[in-house]
Amino acid sequence: MTERQRRRRGAAVLSGVVAGVCVCAAGCSGTGRAAEDGRVGDPVEILHRAADALVEAGTSKARTSMEMATGGTRVTIRGQGVYDYRRQLGELKVMLPQDPAGTSEHRPITELLAPGALFMKNRGAGVPADKWVRVETATLSDGNLVTGGATDPFAAAEVLRGTRTATYVGRTEVAGTAVRHYRGIADLAVAAQDASAGGRDSLRAAAKGFATARVPFDAYLDDEGRIRKVRHRFSFVNGRGADEGRDARTGRDAQAGHGGSGDGRRGGPDERHGEAVAVASTTLLYDFGAPVDVRLPAAGDIYAGRIAED
């Protein structure tokens, strides 16, 4: 092959690669901004790996907020704490919304997050102040993605394992950190299939219990692929009132907490009665590597009675 032929062939190959990149950029980002960042890659694959990047990071601090409309009023529940992604253990202080007069009716609720379980202290509703309430998250119709008033940070990341479609929106900042913004839709059933052993059953329950298994989201990842901020928009079917006759040992028979997702049933779509309620859950992660020491309560510190309706 002559030098001239080699150059022509090389130019043809390069032209094909460039054309492929342009097609991908146009398909992955309607604005074409993905072409400006050569390290973006396939948004779906990047989001699938986001939870693994948190495990590699080890720990972080977290802030959460959950917004919903109830009784014609929009309320926001906020939380703050720490999380250990390798042990899948976290601790959050959750602040319930103020009453209409502007004064708080509740003390902060301490929540301990563990694989398959949620522990709550200062729960009220007849629970002694020095006792914890334990809830099996797989028995909740939302898998505790909203019931506790805060989405477990690692569960929030594992939802992204079910990403079906996603686009790269562009570069921005979250709390002073440069991030890449992705927007897409995740499928909870797919997420459950690829989730860790500790989160699989809860995500499977959510896939069955929500009004739809499709979850729109906006995710913001740093240059190491770690989630800095993620906002999910869940839709659940409003069933019986919160905590009505719930067994504190299992969480069965009614919902467990503050976000509320119905009656704890795990039926299919044909069992989803009632009005669909939209919940926007935002998780902000920062200070990776922060010290985290989460200790679960001893058996004698767990309340074994029934919780009265608030």
Protein backbone atom coordinates (compact mmCIF):
# COMPACT_ATOMS: atom_id res chain seq x y z
CA MET A 1 0.00 0.00 0.00
CA THR A 2 1.42 3.41 -0.96
CA GLU A 3 1.84 6.25 1.52
CA ARG A 4 -0.95 8.16 -0.24
CA GLN A 5 -3.35 5.20 0.04
CA ARG A 6 -2.56 4.82 3.74
CA ARG A 7 -3.34 8.50 4.33
CA ARG A 8 -6.66 8.23 2.48
CA ARG A 9 -7.63 5.14 4.45
CA GLY A 10 -6.67 6.79 7.74
CA ALA A 11 -8.68 9.88 6.86
CA ALA A 12 -11.71 7.72 6.03
CA VAL A 13 -11.49 5.89 9.38
CA LEU A 14 -11.10 9.18 11.29
CA SER A 15 -14.05 10.65 9.40
CA GLY A 16 -16.20 7.67 10.40
CA VAL A 17 -15.20 7.98 14.06
CA VAL A 18 -15.96 11.73 14.12
CA ALA A 19 -19.31 11.12 12.44
CA GLY A 20 -20.14 8.47 15.03
CA VAL A 21 -19.25 10.83 17.87
CA CYS A 22 -21.45 13.55 16.39
CA VAL A 23 -24.39 11.16 16.05
CA CYS A 24 -23.93 10.01 19.65
CA ALA A 25 -23.71 13.57 20.90
CA ALA A 26 -26.85 14.55 19.07
CA GLY A 27 -28.68 11.50 20.37
CA CYS A 28 -27.46 11.74 23.95
CA SER A 29 -27.86 15.49 24.35
CA GLY A 30 -30.28 17.53 22.34
CA THR A 31 -28.14 20.61 22.95
CA GLY A 32 -24.99 19.00 21.58
CA ARG A 33 -23.10 19.97 24.73
CA ALA A 34 -21.96 16.39 25.26
CA ALA A 35 -19.60 16.84 22.32
CA GLU A 36 -17.81 19.55 24.28
CA ASP A 37 -16.82 17.11 27.01
CA GLY A 38 -14.91 14.14 25.63
CA ARG A 39 -15.04 12.25 28.95
CA VAL A 40 -18.82 12.11 29.21
CA GLY A 41 -19.30 8.66 27.66
CA ASP A 42 -22.63 6.85 27.59
CA PRO A 43 -24.91 8.53 30.17
CA VAL A 44 -26.82 5.31 30.91
CA GLU A 45 -23.65 3.35 31.69
CA ILE A 46 -22.22 6.18 33.78
CA LEU A 47 -25.38 6.34 35.89
CA HIS A 48 -25.43 2.56 36.30
CA ARG A 49 -21.99 2.84 37.96
CA ALA A 50 -22.81 5.78 40.24
CA ALA A 51 -23.64 3.60 43.26
CA ASP A 52 -20.35 1.71 42.88
CA ALA A 53 -18.47 5.02 42.89
CA LEU A 54 -20.01 5.79 46.29
CA VAL A 55 -18.86 2.43 47.64
CA GLU A 56 -15.35 3.26 46.49
CA ALA A 57 -15.61 6.65 48.22
CA GLY A 58 -16.54 4.91 51.49
CA THR A 59 -18.46 7.56 53.41
CA SER A 60 -19.96 11.03 53.17
CA LYS A 61 -22.22 13.52 54.84
CA ALA A 62 -25.73 13.89 53.47
CA ARG A 63 -28.61 16.34 53.36
CA THR A 64 -32.07 15.33 52.22
CA SER A 65 -35.35 17.03 51.41
CA MET A 66 -38.70 15.56 50.48
CA GLU A 67 -41.48 17.68 49.01
CA MET A 68 -45.08 16.64 48.54
CA ALA A 69 -48.53 18.16 48.29
CA THR A 70 -51.01 17.02 50.90
CA GLY A 71 -54.44 18.50 51.56
CA GLY A 72 -53.76 21.25 49.08
CA THR A 73 -50.62 22.32 50.97
CA ARG A 74 -47.04 21.68 49.88
CA VAL A 75 -44.83 20.45 52.69
CA THR A 76 -41.10 19.78 52.91
CA ILE A 77 -39.34 17.33 55.22
CA ARG A 78 -35.61 17.87 55.68
CA GLY A 79 -32.86 15.66 57.01
CA GLN A 80 -29.12 15.75 57.63
CA GLY A 81 -26.56 13.15 58.65
CA VAL A 82 -23.85 10.74 57.56
CA TYR A 83 -23.62 7.50 55.56
CA ASP A 84 -21.22 4.56 55.23
CA TYR A 85 -21.67 3.12 51.72
CA ARG A 86 -19.57 0.01 52.28
CA ARG A 87 -21.57 -1.08 55.32
CA GLN A 88 -24.79 0.47 53.98
CA LEU A 89 -25.40 2.15 57.33
CA GLY A 90 -26.46 5.73 57.88
CA GLU A 91 -27.85 8.14 60.45
CA LEU A 92 -30.13 11.07 59.71
CA LYS A 93 -31.88 13.70 61.84
CA VAL A 94 -35.22 14.31 60.13
CA MET A 95 -37.20 17.49 60.73
CA LEU A 96 -40.93 17.26 60.20
CA PRO A 97 -42.73 20.30 58.74
CA GLN A 98 -44.07 23.04 60.95
CA ASP A 99 -47.73 23.37 61.73
CA PRO A 100 -49.77 26.12 59.98
CA ALA A 101 -49.14 28.52 62.87
CA GLY A 102 -45.42 28.34 62.15
CA THR A 103 -44.36 26.47 65.29
CA SER A 104 -42.84 23.02 65.18
CA GLU A 105 -44.98 20.25 66.63
CA HIS A 106 -42.30 17.57 66.56
CA ARG A 107 -38.81 17.00 67.85
CA PRO A 108 -36.27 15.88 65.26
CA ILE A 109 -36.61 12.19 64.51
CA THR A 110 -33.39 10.19 64.54
CA GLU A 111 -33.31 7.57 61.80
CA LEU A 112 -30.79 4.76 61.47
CA LEU A 113 -30.63 3.26 57.99
CA ALA A 114 -29.51 -0.33 57.52
CA PRO A 115 -29.90 -3.04 54.85
CA GLY A 116 -33.55 -4.05 54.97
CA ALA A 117 -34.37 -2.03 58.07
CA LEU A 118 -35.22 1.46 59.30
CA PHE A 119 -34.88 2.42 62.97
CA MET A 120 -36.60 5.56 64.29
CA LYS A 121 -36.30 7.35 67.63
CA ASN A 122 -38.51 10.20 68.90
CA ARG A 123 -41.18 8.74 66.68
CA GLY A 124 -43.97 9.76 69.04
CA ALA A 125 -47.41 8.15 68.62
CA GLY A 126 -47.19 6.37 71.96
CA VAL A 127 -43.62 5.12 71.59
CA PRO A 128 -41.51 5.65 74.76
CA ALA A 129 -38.88 8.36 74.31
CA ASP A 130 -35.99 5.99 75.01
CA LYS A 131 -37.14 3.30 72.56
CA TRP A 132 -36.53 2.73 68.87
CA VAL A 133 -39.08 1.65 66.29
CA ARG A 134 -37.81 -0.93 63.81
CA VAL A 135 -39.41 -1.30 60.38
CA GLU A 136 -38.64 -3.95 57.78
CA THR A 137 -38.35 -1.84 54.64
CA ALA A 138 -39.30 -4.67 52.28
CA THR A 139 -42.76 -4.80 53.91
CA LEU A 140 -43.46 -1.19 52.92
CA SER A 141 -45.16 -0.57 49.61
CA ASP A 142 -42.53 2.06 48.75
CA GLY A 143 -39.55 0.12 50.07
CA ASN A 144 -38.87 3.12 52.35
CA LEU A 145 -37.94 5.39 49.46
CA VAL A 146 -40.36 7.97 50.89
CA THR A 147 -41.95 6.53 54.05
CA GLY A 148 -39.18 7.63 56.40
CA GLY A 149 -39.35 11.21 55.17
CA ALA A 150 -35.90 10.82 53.60
CA THR A 151 -34.58 8.53 50.91
CA ASP A 152 -31.72 6.31 52.04
CA PRO A 153 -28.69 7.83 50.22
CA PHE A 154 -27.45 4.49 48.95
CA ALA A 155 -30.95 3.46 47.88
CA ALA A 156 -31.16 6.75 45.98
CA ALA A 157 -27.99 5.78 44.16
CA GLU A 158 -29.15 2.24 43.49
CA VAL A 159 -32.32 3.53 41.82
CA LEU A 160 -29.97 4.77 39.10
CA ARG A 161 -28.91 1.18 38.39
CA GLY A 162 -32.30 0.94 36.71
CA THR A 163 -31.67 3.86 34.34
CA ARG A 164 -33.34 3.10 31.01
CA THR A 165 -32.85 6.41 29.20
CA ALA A 166 -30.66 9.39 30.03
CA THR A 167 -29.24 12.53 28.47
CA TYR A 168 -26.22 14.60 29.36
CA VAL A 169 -27.45 18.12 30.07
CA GLY A 170 -24.11 19.83 30.62
CA ARG A 171 -21.63 21.15 33.15
CA THR A 172 -22.72 23.02 36.28
CA GLU A 173 -21.83 23.31 39.98
CA VAL A 174 -23.30 21.87 43.17
CA ALA A 175 -22.17 23.54 46.39
CA GLY A 176 -19.05 24.83 44.65
CA THR A 177 -18.10 21.47 43.09
CA ALA A 178 -17.97 21.06 39.32
CA VAL A 179 -20.42 18.37 38.22
CA ARG A 180 -22.02 16.85 35.14
CA HIS A 181 -25.80 17.04 35.02
CA TYR A 182 -27.75 14.04 33.70
CA ARG A 183 -31.50 13.73 33.26
CA GLY A 184 -33.31 10.46 32.70
CA ILE A 185 -35.83 7.82 33.72
CA ALA A 186 -35.10 4.80 35.88
CA ASP A 187 -37.13 1.61 36.21
CA LEU A 188 -37.40 0.34 39.80
CA ALA A 189 -37.87 -3.27 38.69
CA VAL A 190 -34.64 -3.15 36.69
CA ALA A 191 -32.88 -1.39 39.57
CA ALA A 192 -33.95 -4.19 41.93
CA GLN A 193 -32.43 -6.81 39.64
CA ASP A 194 -29.03 -5.12 39.69
CA ALA A 195 -29.09 -3.81 43.27
CA SER A 196 -26.93 -4.97 46.14
CA ALA A 197 -28.21 -7.81 48.30
CA GLY A 198 -29.10 -5.34 51.06
CA GLY A 199 -31.28 -3.15 48.84
CA ARG A 200 -32.81 -5.62 46.41
CA ASP A 201 -35.98 -6.55 48.31
CA SER A 202 -36.83 -2.94 49.19
CA LEU A 203 -36.51 -1.80 45.57
CA ARG A 204 -38.55 -4.78 44.44
CA ALA A 205 -41.31 -3.77 46.89
CA ALA A 206 -41.20 -0.20 45.58
CA ALA A 207 -41.46 -1.40 41.98
CA LYS A 208 -44.68 -3.20 42.89
CA GLY A 209 -46.12 -0.65 45.29
CA PHE A 210 -45.63 2.69 43.55
CA ALA A 211 -48.20 4.04 41.12
CA THR A 212 -45.54 3.47 38.44
CA ALA A 213 -42.11 1.84 38.47
CA ARG A 214 -40.77 4.60 36.21
CA VAL A 215 -38.88 7.28 38.15
CA PRO A 216 -37.79 10.52 36.44
CA PHE A 217 -34.59 11.93 37.91
CA ASP A 218 -31.88 14.56 37.68
CA ALA A 219 -28.42 13.44 38.79
CA TYR A 220 -25.27 15.50 39.27
CA LEU A 221 -21.97 13.58 39.27
CA ASP A 222 -18.48 14.87 40.00
CA ASP A 223 -15.36 14.02 37.99
CA GLU A 224 -14.92 10.79 39.96
CA GLY A 225 -18.42 9.61 39.08
CA ARG A 226 -19.77 10.16 42.60
CA ILE A 227 -23.25 11.52 43.10
CA ARG A 228 -23.22 15.03 44.52
CA LYS A 229 -26.94 15.59 44.11
CA VAL A 230 -29.83 13.49 42.86
CA ARG A 231 -33.51 14.38 42.65
CA HIS A 232 -36.11 11.67 42.11
CA ARG A 233 -39.77 12.19 41.36
CA PHE A 234 -41.76 9.31 42.81
CA SER A 235 -45.48 8.63 42.45
CA PHE A 236 -47.28 6.51 45.02
CA VAL A 237 -50.90 5.62 45.64
CA ASN A 238 -52.30 7.21 48.79
CA GLY A 239 -53.90 4.51 50.88
CA ARG A 240 -54.82 4.36 54.55
CA GLY A 241 -53.70 6.98 57.05
CA ALA A 242 -50.19 7.08 58.43
CA ASP A 243 -49.29 4.60 61.16
CA GLU A 244 -52.85 3.36 61.61
CA GLY A 245 -52.58 0.22 63.72
CA ARG A 246 -49.03 -0.59 62.57
CA ASP A 247 -47.05 -3.31 64.29
CA ALA A 248 -43.78 -1.66 65.37
CA ARG A 249 -41.86 -4.91 65.05
CA THR A 250 -42.51 -5.46 61.34
CA GLY A 251 -44.00 -2.29 59.90
CA ARG A 252 -46.90 -4.31 58.46
CA ASP A 253 -50.55 -3.31 58.22
CA ALA A 254 -49.88 0.38 57.66
CA GLN A 255 -47.17 2.75 56.57
CA ALA A 256 -44.29 3.48 58.88
CA GLY A 257 -43.47 7.09 58.85
CA HIS A 258 -43.74 10.58 57.64
CA GLY A 259 -43.49 10.55 53.87
CA GLY A 260 -46.22 7.94 53.64
CA SER A 261 -46.80 5.52 50.82
CA GLY A 262 -50.02 3.79 51.55
CA ASP A 263 -50.86 0.68 53.50
CA GLY A 264 -47.77 -1.46 53.13
CA ARG A 265 -49.31 -3.84 50.60
CA ARG A 266 -47.02 -5.31 47.97
CA GLY A 267 -49.56 -6.10 45.30
CA GLY A 268 -49.36 -5.61 41.56
CA PRO A 269 -50.72 -2.79 39.42
CA ASP A 270 -54.28 -4.11 39.62
CA GLU A 271 -54.24 -3.50 43.39
CA ARG A 272 -53.14 0.12 43.22
CA HIS A 273 -56.24 2.02 44.24
CA GLY A 274 -56.55 5.59 45.43
CA GLU A 275 -55.14 8.92 44.39
CA ALA A 276 -51.59 9.14 43.05
CA VAL A 277 -49.39 11.48 45.09
CA ALA A 278 -46.21 12.99 43.64
CA VAL A 279 -43.14 13.20 45.88
CA ALA A 280 -39.87 14.92 44.96
CA SER A 281 -36.93 13.54 46.94
CA THR A 282 -33.55 15.30 46.80
CA THR A 283 -30.32 13.89 48.22
CA LEU A 284 -27.16 16.02 48.50
CA LEU A 285 -23.84 14.26 49.25
CA TYR A 286 -20.67 16.03 50.35
CA ASP A 287 -17.52 15.75 52.50
CA PHE A 288 -16.58 12.30 51.21
CA GLY A 289 -14.38 10.35 53.62
CA ALA A 290 -15.96 11.95 56.70
CA PRO A 291 -15.86 9.77 59.84
CA VAL A 292 -19.01 7.70 60.29
CA ASP A 293 -19.85 5.58 63.32
CA VAL A 294 -23.39 4.19 63.13
CA ARG A 295 -24.41 1.72 65.83
CA LEU A 296 -27.72 -0.09 65.60
CA PRO A 297 -29.83 -0.36 68.77
CA ALA A 298 -29.77 -3.48 70.91
CA ALA A 299 -32.82 -5.75 70.89
CA GLY A 300 -33.89 -4.50 74.33
CA ASP A 301 -34.01 -0.92 73.07
CA ILE A 302 -36.53 -1.65 70.32
CA TYR A 303 -40.22 -0.96 70.98
CA ALA A 304 -42.31 -4.09 70.46
CA GLY A 305 -45.82 -2.64 70.81
CA ARG A 306 -48.24 -1.10 68.39
CA ILE A 307 -48.05 2.50 67.26
CA ALA A 308 -51.11 4.69 67.74
CA GLU A 309 -52.35 6.92 64.93
CA ASP A 310 -50.84 10.44 65.15
